[in-house]
C-alpha atoms as a PDB file:
ATOM      1  CA  MET A   1       0.124  -0.027  -0.136  1.00  0.00           C
ATOM      2  CA  ALA A   2       1.293   3.477  -0.787  1.00  0.00           C
ATOM      3  CA  GLN A   3       1.994   6.043   1.740  1.00  0.00           C
ATOM      4  CA  LYS A   4      -0.997   8.512   2.206  1.00  0.00           C
ATOM      5  CA  THR A   5      -0.555  11.667   0.437  1.00  0.00           C
ATOM      6  CA  ASN A   6      -2.065  15.035   1.199  1.00  0.00           C
ATOM      7  CA  ALA A   7      -4.342  14.455  -1.535  1.00  0.00           C
ATOM      8  CA  ALA A   8      -5.567  11.036  -0.061  1.00  0.00           C
ATOM      9  CA  ARG A   9      -5.671  12.668   3.424  1.00  0.00           C
ATOM     10  CA  GLN A  10      -7.933  15.207   2.179  1.00  0.00           C
ATOM     11  CA  LEU A  11     -10.453  12.880   0.878  1.00  0.00           C
ATOM     12  CA  ASP A  12     -10.340  10.809   4.093  1.00  0.00           C
ATOM     13  CA  GLN A  13     -10.838  13.955   6.145  1.00  0.00           C
ATOM     14  CA  MET A  14     -14.116  14.595   4.063  1.00  0.00           C
ATOM     15  CA  LYS A  15     -15.204  11.033   3.920  1.00  0.00           C
ATOM     16  CA  ILE A  16     -15.017  10.790   0.401  1.00  0.00           C
ATOM     17  CA  SER A  17     -14.567   7.336  -1.189  1.00  0.00           C
ATOM     18  CA  TYR A  18     -11.724   6.587  -3.587  1.00  0.00           C
ATOM     19  CA  GLU A  19      -9.399   3.881  -4.544  1.00  0.00           C
ATOM     20  CA  LEU A  20      -5.799   4.100  -5.086  1.00  0.00           C
ATOM     21  CA  GLY A  21      -4.173   2.722  -8.308  1.00  0.00           C
ATOM     22  CA  GLU A  22      -0.473   2.039  -7.843  1.00  0.00           C
ATOM     23  CA  TYR A  23       1.795   1.501 -10.807  1.00  0.00           C
ATOM     24  CA  THR A  24       5.579   1.224 -11.278  1.00  0.00           C
ATOM     25  CA  VAL A  25       7.058   4.631 -12.666  1.00  0.00           C
ATOM     26  CA  ASP A  26       8.791   4.499 -15.824  1.00  0.00           C
ATOM     27  CA  GLU A  27      10.988   7.941 -15.481  1.00  0.00           C
ATOM     28  CA  SER A  28      11.319   7.954 -19.617  1.00  0.00           C
ATOM     29  CA  ASP A  29       7.416   7.701 -19.813  1.00  0.00           C
ATOM     30  CA  LEU A  30       5.436   9.878 -17.463  1.00  0.00           C
ATOM     31  CA  SER A  31       2.359  10.294 -20.100  1.00  0.00           C
ATOM     32  CA  ALA A  32      -0.965   9.885 -19.171  1.00  0.00           C
ATOM     33  CA  GLY A  33      -1.206   6.963 -21.666  1.00  0.00           C
ATOM     34  CA  ALA A  34       1.429   4.981 -20.104  1.00  0.00           C
ATOM     35  CA  VAL A  35      -0.388   5.488 -16.518  1.00  0.00           C
ATOM     36  CA  ALA A  36      -3.667   4.440 -18.091  1.00  0.00           C
ATOM     37  CA  ALA A  37      -2.226   1.270 -19.412  1.00  0.00           C
ATOM     38  CA  LYS A  38      -0.543   0.603 -15.926  1.00  0.00           C
ATOM     39  CA  ILE A  39      -3.653   0.855 -13.814  1.00  0.00           C
ATOM     40  CA  GLY A  40      -6.171  -0.381 -16.313  1.00  0.00           C
ATOM     41  CA  VAL A  41      -8.294   2.744 -16.599  1.00  0.00           C
ATOM     42  CA  PRO A  42      -9.297   4.071 -20.174  1.00  0.00           C
ATOM     43  CA  LEU A  43      -6.985   7.075 -21.146  1.00  0.00           C
ATOM     44  CA  LYS A  44     -10.045   9.389 -21.584  1.00  0.00           C
ATOM     45  CA  GLN A  45     -10.703   8.869 -17.787  1.00  0.00           C
ATOM     46  CA  VAL A  46      -7.035   9.653 -16.630  1.00  0.00           C
ATOM     47  CA  TYR A  47      -6.958  13.435 -15.802  1.00  0.00           C
ATOM     48  CA  LYS A  48      -3.662  15.066 -16.036  1.00  0.00           C
ATOM     49  CA  THR A  49      -3.381  18.385 -13.857  1.00  0.00           C
ATOM     50  CA  LEU A  50      -1.480  21.049 -15.629  1.00  0.00           C
ATOM     51  CA  VAL A  51      -0.139  24.254 -14.135  1.00  0.00           C
ATOM     52  CA  ALA A  52      -0.634  27.566 -16.083  1.00  0.00           C
ATOM     53  CA  ARG A  53      -0.285  31.155 -15.516  1.00  0.00           C
ATOM     54  CA  GLY A  54      -2.988  33.693 -16.828  1.00  0.00           C
ATOM     55  CA  ASP A  55      -1.873  37.308 -17.562  1.00  0.00           C
ATOM     56  CA  LYS A  56      -4.509  38.838 -15.520  1.00  0.00           C
ATOM     57  CA  THR A  57      -5.357  36.252 -12.791  1.00  0.00           C
ATOM     58  CA  GLY A  58      -1.846  34.368 -12.369  1.00  0.00           C
ATOM     59  CA  VAL A  59      -1.558  30.698 -11.382  1.00  0.00           C
ATOM     60  CA  MET A  60      -4.396  28.174 -12.076  1.00  0.00           C
ATOM     61  CA  LEU A  61      -4.660  24.548 -12.832  1.00  0.00           C
ATOM     62  CA  ALA A  62      -6.177  22.885 -15.528  1.00  0.00           C
ATOM     63  CA  CYS A  63      -7.449  19.110 -15.203  1.00  0.00           C
ATOM     64  CA  ILE A  64      -8.004  17.633 -18.504  1.00  0.00           C
ATOM     65  CA  PRO A  65      -8.434  13.967 -20.202  1.00  0.00           C
ATOM     66  CA  GLY A  66      -4.937  12.227 -20.867  1.00  0.00           C
ATOM     67  CA  ASP A  67      -6.066  11.880 -24.358  1.00  0.00           C
ATOM     68  CA  LYS A  68      -6.390  15.712 -24.810  1.00  0.00           C
ATOM     69  CA  GLU A  69      -4.192  18.605 -25.077  1.00  0.00           C
ATOM     70  CA  LEU A  70      -4.826  21.909 -23.198  1.00  0.00           C
ATOM     71  CA  ASP A  71      -6.087  24.586 -25.300  1.00  0.00           C
ATOM     72  CA  LEU A  72      -4.404  27.699 -23.822  1.00  0.00           C
ATOM     73  CA  LYS A  73      -6.739  30.026 -25.555  1.00  0.00           C
ATOM     74  CA  ALA A  74     -10.018  28.440 -24.259  1.00  0.00           C
ATOM     75  CA  LEU A  75      -8.329  28.408 -20.952  1.00  0.00           C
ATOM     76  CA  ALA A  76      -7.531  32.053 -21.121  1.00  0.00           C
ATOM     77  CA  THR A  77     -11.100  32.832 -22.086  1.00  0.00           C
ATOM     78  CA  VAL A  78     -12.768  30.700 -19.177  1.00  0.00           C
ATOM     79  CA  SER A  79     -10.339  32.271 -16.856  1.00  0.00           C
ATOM     80  CA  GLY A  80     -10.927  35.670 -17.682  1.00  0.00           C
ATOM     81  CA  ASN A  81      -7.559  36.235 -19.072  1.00  0.00           C
ATOM     82  CA  LYS A  82      -6.352  37.381 -22.529  1.00  0.00           C
ATOM     83  CA  LYS A  83      -3.508  34.819 -22.679  1.00  0.00           C
ATOM     84  CA  ALA A  84      -2.408  31.787 -20.516  1.00  0.00           C
ATOM     85  CA  GLU A  85       0.865  29.694 -20.943  1.00  0.00           C
ATOM     86  CA  VAL A  86       1.940  26.546 -19.173  1.00  0.00           C
ATOM     87  CA  VAL A  87       4.477  27.441 -16.282  1.00  0.00           C
ATOM     88  CA  PRO A  88       8.101  26.453 -16.747  1.00  0.00           C
ATOM     89  CA  LEU A  89       8.835  23.005 -15.280  1.00  0.00           C
ATOM     90  CA  LYS A  90      11.159  24.489 -12.495  1.00  0.00           C
ATOM     91  CA  GLU A  91       8.101  26.351 -11.043  1.00  0.00           C
ATOM     92  CA  VAL A  92       5.581  23.628 -10.844  1.00  0.00           C
ATOM     93  CA  GLN A  93       7.308  21.827  -7.446  1.00  0.00           C
ATOM     94  CA  PRO A  94       7.644  25.553  -5.815  1.00  0.00           C
ATOM     95  CA  LEU A  95       3.977  26.606  -6.832  1.00  0.00           C
ATOM     96  CA  THR A  96       2.063  23.512  -5.859  1.00  0.00           C
ATOM     97  CA  GLY A  97       4.347  21.369  -3.696  1.00  0.00           C
ATOM     98  CA  TYR A  98       4.299  18.402  -6.444  1.00  0.00           C
ATOM     99  CA  ILE A  99       6.659  17.141  -9.086  1.00  0.00           C
ATOM    100  CA  ARG A 100       5.880  16.920 -12.760  1.00  0.00           C
ATOM    101  CA  GLY A 101       3.878  13.680 -13.181  1.00  0.00           C
ATOM    102  CA  GLY A 102       2.688  13.904  -9.582  1.00  0.00           C
ATOM    103  CA  VAL A 103       0.412  17.202  -9.624  1.00  0.00           C
ATOM    104  CA  SER A 104      -2.839  16.594  -8.096  1.00  0.00           C
ATOM    105  CA  PRO A 105      -5.781  18.971  -7.924  1.00  0.00           C
ATOM    106  CA  LEU A 106      -6.117  17.854  -4.360  1.00  0.00           C
ATOM    107  CA  GLY A 107      -3.794  18.860  -1.219  1.00  0.00           C
ATOM    108  CA  LEU A 108      -2.048  21.764  -2.966  1.00  0.00           C
ATOM    109  CA  LYS A 109       0.465  24.037  -1.080  1.00  0.00           C
ATOM    110  CA  LYS A 110      -1.673  27.062  -2.020  1.00  0.00           C
ATOM    111  CA  LYS A 111      -5.255  27.748  -3.292  1.00  0.00           C
ATOM    112  CA  TYR A 112      -5.364  28.285  -6.873  1.00  0.00           C
ATOM    113  CA  PRO A 113      -8.269  28.372  -9.343  1.00  0.00           C
ATOM    114  CA  ILE A 114      -8.769  24.876 -10.911  1.00  0.00           C
ATOM    115  CA  PHE A 115     -10.561  24.189 -14.236  1.00  0.00           C
ATOM    116  CA  LEU A 116     -11.827  20.660 -14.717  1.00  0.00           C
ATOM    117  CA  GLU A 117     -12.571  19.571 -18.135  1.00  0.00           C
ATOM    118  CA  GLU A 118     -16.448  19.189 -18.110  1.00  0.00           C
ATOM    119  CA  ALA A 119     -16.184  15.636 -19.870  1.00  0.00           C
ATOM    120  CA  ALA A 120     -15.129  14.458 -16.433  1.00  0.00           C
ATOM    121  CA  LEU A 121     -18.753  14.346 -15.291  1.00  0.00           C
ATOM    122  CA  GLN A 122     -19.851  12.006 -17.969  1.00  0.00           C
ATOM    123  CA  HIS A 123     -17.816   9.229 -16.277  1.00  0.00           C
ATOM    124  CA  ASP A 124     -18.529   7.156 -13.017  1.00  0.00           C
ATOM    125  CA  THR A 125     -15.168   7.524 -12.127  1.00  0.00           C
ATOM    126  CA  ILE A 126     -11.959   9.441 -13.261  1.00  0.00           C
ATOM    127  CA  SER A 127      -8.259   8.970 -12.005  1.00  0.00           C
ATOM    128  CA  ILE A 128      -6.297  11.837 -10.920  1.00  0.00           C
ATOM    129  CA  SER A 129      -2.646  11.935  -9.698  1.00  0.00           C
ATOM    130  CA  ALA A 130      -2.482  11.205  -5.756  1.00  0.00           C
ATOM    131  CA  GLY A 131       0.241  13.672  -5.462  1.00  0.00           C
ATOM    132  CA  VAL A 132       3.109  11.339  -6.275  1.00  0.00           C
ATOM    133  CA  ARG A 133       4.587   9.651  -9.295  1.00  0.00           C
ATOM    134  CA  GLY A 134       3.410   5.697  -8.982  1.00  0.00           C
ATOM    135  CA  CYS A 135      -0.109   6.269  -7.725  1.00  0.00           C
ATOM    136  CA  GLN A 136      -3.427   7.615  -8.804  1.00  0.00           C
ATOM    137  CA  ILE A 137      -6.969   8.364  -6.921  1.00  0.00           C
ATOM    138  CA  ILE A 138      -9.796   6.867  -8.784  1.00  0.00           C
ATOM    139  CA  LEU A 139     -12.962   8.612  -7.683  1.00  0.00           C
ATOM    140  CA  ASN A 140     -16.239   9.901  -8.669  1.00  0.00           C
ATOM    141  CA  PRO A 141     -15.911  13.320 -10.594  1.00  0.00           C
ATOM    142  CA  GLN A 142     -18.618  15.004  -8.614  1.00  0.00           C
ATOM    143  CA  ASP A 143     -16.809  14.144  -5.420  1.00  0.00           C
ATOM    144  CA  LEU A 144     -13.679  15.709  -6.930  1.00  0.00           C
ATOM    145  CA  LEU A 145     -15.566  18.669  -7.315  1.00  0.00           C
ATOM    146  CA  THR A 146     -16.902  18.672  -3.818  1.00  0.00           C
ATOM    147  CA  ALA A 147     -13.312  18.224  -2.510  1.00  0.00           C
ATOM    148  CA  VAL A 148     -11.840  21.032  -4.557  1.00  0.00           C
ATOM    149  CA  LYS A 149     -14.682  23.457  -3.456  1.00  0.00           C
ATOM    150  CA  ALA A 150     -14.007  22.663  -0.018  1.00  0.00           C
ATOM    151  CA  THR A 151     -10.483  23.444   0.042  1.00  0.00           C
ATOM    152  CA  CYS A 152      -9.951  25.838  -2.840  1.00  0.00           C
ATOM    153  CA  GLY A 153     -13.180  27.259  -3.069  1.00  0.00           C
ATOM    154  CA  ASN A 154     -12.880  27.754  -6.739  1.00  0.00           C
ATOM    155  CA  ILE A 155     -13.339  25.223  -9.396  1.00  0.00           C
ATOM    156  CA  SER A 156     -14.848  25.516 -12.638  1.00  0.00           C
ATOM    157  CA  LYS A 157     -16.364  23.019 -15.128  1.00  0.00           C
ATOM    158  CA  THR A 158     -14.923  23.934 -18.649  1.00  0.00           C
ATOM    159  CA  GLU A 159     -14.218  22.806 -21.883  1.00  0.00           C
ATOM    160  CA  ALA A 160     -10.865  23.845 -22.222  1.00  0.00           C
ATOM    161  CA  THR A 161      -9.224  21.438 -24.345  1.00  0.00           C
END
């Protein structure tokens, strides 16, 4: 059993049910496709969390399906920015407390606006990073919304892909 992460502890405190999907990390392939294959979840149900910065609002997170690319123009529009860009890799850990391949929308160091791709709500369960490489949290997307609202207070459903 994996060590409890901040993301898992947050769900435990809120009494939200979830499963952990553990897998062996291959440093040469941290892709959502590799994670999906290893935990046996369809790629469209593995959600990656990307860290971006808007020109007006600053840092924000986008939670999108593993089979999609982030549409920065769409993210900028829904977040009230003129433009948005993915933050440089060296800034990810200082901003979130997580390393690349382990960024979770739960248990963050600071409160940031989070934008969840609306397609998540079409599934009974989705998979998000547990906050470390090698472990995913599999949960109901509505429960994810509840947990993020309780801790960050700011989550939006969007079609930013």
